[in-house]
Amino acid sequence: MLEWLSLLVSPVLTSPYFQFFTLDLGAAYGTAKAGIGIASMGVLKPDLIMKSIVPIVMAGILGIYGLIIAVILLQKSMSYLYINTLIVESKDSYSADKGYKHFAAGCCCGFSALAAGFAIGVVGDAGVRANAIEPKMFVGMILVLIFAEALGLYGLIVAIILSQ
């Protein structure tokens, strides 16, 4: 009975869920904050609404990063779970080292996407409103959004390396 309890609270089984929660929080904040800016800008210039959807799309991509890492970590954890339930002795059993590596991968991807979501939301809100006033601001807004998205991408790359 205690073996099942330790499996349920092990870092490998909780890290994908924790990481996915923080990723979705960042993506939701970025979408909401940029959406407020689009709604405000749409009153002044309704013809620019479709051009201003870029921050919302970029915030949604952060959720895909989380899905990728969650699937990778769950596949690795389920293979160890099946080995443990079949009571097959394996030299490649799941260790605390692997569990904490997977937990760190989830935290890395989750927190970097949370920061990227905040940055995308703030820049998207201000950039969309500034674009309604001065159309030359669009290129600058896109560049800052790309750099903010790169924060989440760096977290994804480090998480993939840690999950190996």
Protein backbone atom coordinates (compact mmCIF):
# COMPACT_ATOMS: atom_id res chain seq x y z
CA MET A 1 0.00 0.00 0.00
CA LEU A 2 2.78 2.45 0.80
CA GLU A 3 4.40 1.78 -2.58
CA TRP A 4 1.29 3.03 -4.39
CA LEU A 5 1.15 6.10 -2.17
CA SER A 6 4.76 6.90 -2.91
CA LEU A 7 4.07 6.48 -6.63
CA LEU A 8 1.16 8.92 -6.47
CA VAL A 9 3.18 11.70 -4.85
CA SER A 10 6.45 11.03 -6.62
CA PRO A 11 7.99 13.98 -8.47
CA VAL A 12 7.66 12.29 -11.86
CA LEU A 13 3.90 11.95 -11.61
CA THR A 14 3.29 15.42 -10.19
CA SER A 15 5.72 17.43 -12.32
CA PRO A 16 3.74 17.32 -15.60
CA TYR A 17 0.59 18.50 -13.86
CA PHE A 18 2.35 21.24 -11.91
CA GLN A 19 4.19 22.37 -15.00
CA PHE A 20 1.06 22.34 -17.14
CA PHE A 21 -0.76 24.44 -14.52
CA THR A 22 1.92 27.14 -14.50
CA LEU A 23 2.10 27.13 -18.31
CA ASP A 24 -1.63 27.56 -18.65
CA LEU A 25 -1.54 30.36 -16.11
CA GLY A 26 1.01 32.25 -18.21
CA ALA A 27 -0.86 31.61 -21.45
CA ALA A 28 -4.16 32.66 -19.89
CA TYR A 29 -2.71 35.87 -18.48
CA GLY A 30 -1.09 36.75 -21.81
CA THR A 31 -4.32 36.08 -23.68
CA ALA A 32 -6.47 38.04 -21.24
CA LYS A 33 -4.17 41.05 -21.00
CA ALA A 34 -3.66 41.27 -24.78
CA GLY A 35 -7.40 40.73 -25.30
CA ILE A 36 -8.15 43.75 -23.12
CA GLY A 37 -5.85 45.82 -25.30
CA ILE A 38 -7.51 44.54 -28.47
CA ALA A 39 -10.97 45.34 -27.14
CA SER A 40 -9.86 48.84 -26.17
CA MET A 41 -8.14 49.40 -29.50
CA GLY A 42 -11.11 48.02 -31.43
CA VAL A 43 -13.21 50.98 -30.33
CA LEU A 44 -10.79 53.42 -31.98
CA LYS A 45 -9.86 51.45 -35.10
CA PRO A 46 -11.97 48.34 -35.76
CA ASP A 47 -10.13 47.63 -39.01
CA LEU A 48 -6.92 46.76 -37.05
CA ILE A 49 -8.48 44.02 -34.90
CA MET A 50 -7.33 41.08 -37.04
CA LYS A 51 -3.82 42.52 -37.33
CA SER A 52 -3.68 42.78 -33.53
CA ILE A 53 -4.43 39.10 -32.84
CA VAL A 54 -0.69 38.26 -32.92
CA PRO A 55 -0.12 38.52 -29.11
CA ILE A 56 -3.02 36.17 -28.41
CA VAL A 57 -1.68 33.57 -30.85
CA MET A 58 1.79 33.83 -29.30
CA ALA A 59 0.36 33.36 -25.81
CA GLY A 60 -1.50 30.26 -27.02
CA ILE A 61 1.73 28.74 -28.30
CA LEU A 62 3.00 28.64 -24.71
CA GLY A 63 0.32 26.07 -23.92
CA ILE A 64 1.62 23.86 -26.73
CA TYR A 65 5.09 23.93 -25.14
CA GLY A 66 3.56 22.57 -21.96
CA LEU A 67 1.70 19.88 -23.81
CA ILE A 68 4.92 18.68 -25.43
CA ILE A 69 6.80 18.43 -22.14
CA ALA A 70 3.83 16.90 -20.31
CA VAL A 71 3.56 14.12 -22.91
CA ILE A 72 7.30 13.44 -22.77
CA LEU A 73 7.34 13.27 -18.97
CA LEU A 74 4.18 11.19 -18.74
CA GLN A 75 5.47 8.65 -21.25
CA LYS A 76 8.67 8.26 -19.26
CA SER A 77 6.80 8.00 -15.95
CA MET A 78 4.22 5.51 -17.23
CA SER A 79 6.94 3.16 -18.46
CA TYR A 80 8.42 3.12 -14.97
CA LEU A 81 4.97 2.74 -13.44
CA TYR A 82 4.26 -0.33 -15.58
CA ILE A 83 7.59 -1.86 -14.60
CA ASN A 84 6.75 -1.33 -10.93
CA THR A 85 3.21 -2.73 -11.17
CA LEU A 86 4.33 -5.85 -13.00
CA ILE A 87 6.93 -6.38 -10.27
CA VAL A 88 9.65 -6.88 -12.82
CA GLU A 89 13.12 -6.24 -11.52
CA SER A 90 14.84 -3.91 -13.90
CA LYS A 91 18.27 -2.39 -13.77
CA ASP A 92 16.72 0.76 -15.24
CA SER A 93 14.25 1.35 -12.44
CA TYR A 94 13.04 4.80 -11.57
CA SER A 95 15.32 6.58 -9.14
CA ALA A 96 15.03 9.75 -7.11
CA ASP A 97 17.60 11.33 -9.41
CA LYS A 98 15.38 10.80 -12.45
CA GLY A 99 12.33 11.96 -10.52
CA TYR A 100 13.91 15.24 -9.53
CA LYS A 101 15.27 15.75 -13.05
CA HIS A 102 11.75 15.39 -14.39
CA PHE A 103 10.40 17.68 -11.69
CA ALA A 104 13.04 20.27 -12.59
CA ALA A 105 12.11 19.90 -16.28
CA GLY A 106 8.48 20.61 -15.47
CA CYS A 107 9.34 23.59 -13.28
CA CYS A 108 11.76 24.99 -15.85
CA CYS A 109 9.28 24.84 -18.69
CA GLY A 110 6.38 26.00 -16.52
CA PHE A 111 8.04 29.00 -14.92
CA SER A 112 9.71 30.19 -18.11
CA ALA A 113 6.36 30.06 -19.91
CA LEU A 114 4.73 31.86 -16.98
CA ALA A 115 7.25 34.68 -17.34
CA ALA A 116 6.84 34.69 -21.12
CA GLY A 117 3.05 34.85 -20.75
CA PHE A 118 3.31 37.85 -18.45
CA ALA A 119 5.67 39.58 -20.88
CA ILE A 120 3.45 38.81 -23.88
CA GLY A 121 0.40 40.09 -22.05
CA VAL A 122 1.93 43.38 -20.98
CA VAL A 123 3.64 44.04 -24.32
CA GLY A 124 0.59 42.90 -26.28
CA ASP A 125 -1.74 45.20 -24.36
CA ALA A 126 0.46 48.28 -24.64
CA GLY A 127 1.64 47.48 -28.16
CA VAL A 128 -1.84 46.99 -29.60
CA ARG A 129 -3.04 50.27 -28.10
CA ALA A 130 0.07 52.09 -29.39
CA ASN A 131 -0.43 50.52 -32.83
CA ALA A 132 -3.89 52.07 -33.02
CA ILE A 133 -2.37 55.50 -32.49
CA GLU A 134 0.87 55.08 -34.46
CA PRO A 135 0.99 52.29 -37.10
CA LYS A 136 4.83 52.31 -37.13
CA MET A 137 4.77 50.70 -33.67
CA PHE A 138 3.67 47.34 -35.10
CA VAL A 139 7.15 46.13 -36.07
CA GLY A 140 8.59 47.07 -32.68
CA MET A 141 5.74 45.29 -30.90
CA ILE A 142 6.32 42.13 -32.95
CA LEU A 143 10.04 42.15 -32.17
CA VAL A 144 9.46 42.46 -28.42
CA LEU A 145 6.82 39.71 -28.60
CA ILE A 146 9.29 37.42 -30.38
CA PHE A 147 11.87 37.99 -27.65
CA ALA A 148 9.25 37.31 -24.98
CA GLU A 149 8.23 34.09 -26.74
CA ALA A 150 11.89 33.07 -26.87
CA LEU A 151 11.90 32.92 -23.05
CA GLY A 152 9.32 30.16 -23.19
CA LEU A 153 11.20 28.41 -25.98
CA TYR A 154 14.42 28.43 -23.92
CA GLY A 155 12.52 26.80 -21.06
CA LEU A 156 11.17 24.15 -23.44
CA ILE A 157 14.67 23.32 -24.72
CA VAL A 158 16.13 23.06 -21.21
CA ALA A 159 13.17 20.93 -20.11
CA ILE A 160 13.71 18.51 -23.00
CA ILE A 161 17.38 18.22 -22.06
CA LEU A 162 16.50 17.61 -18.40
CA SER A 163 13.88 15.00 -19.23
CA GLN A 164 16.42 12.68 -20.90
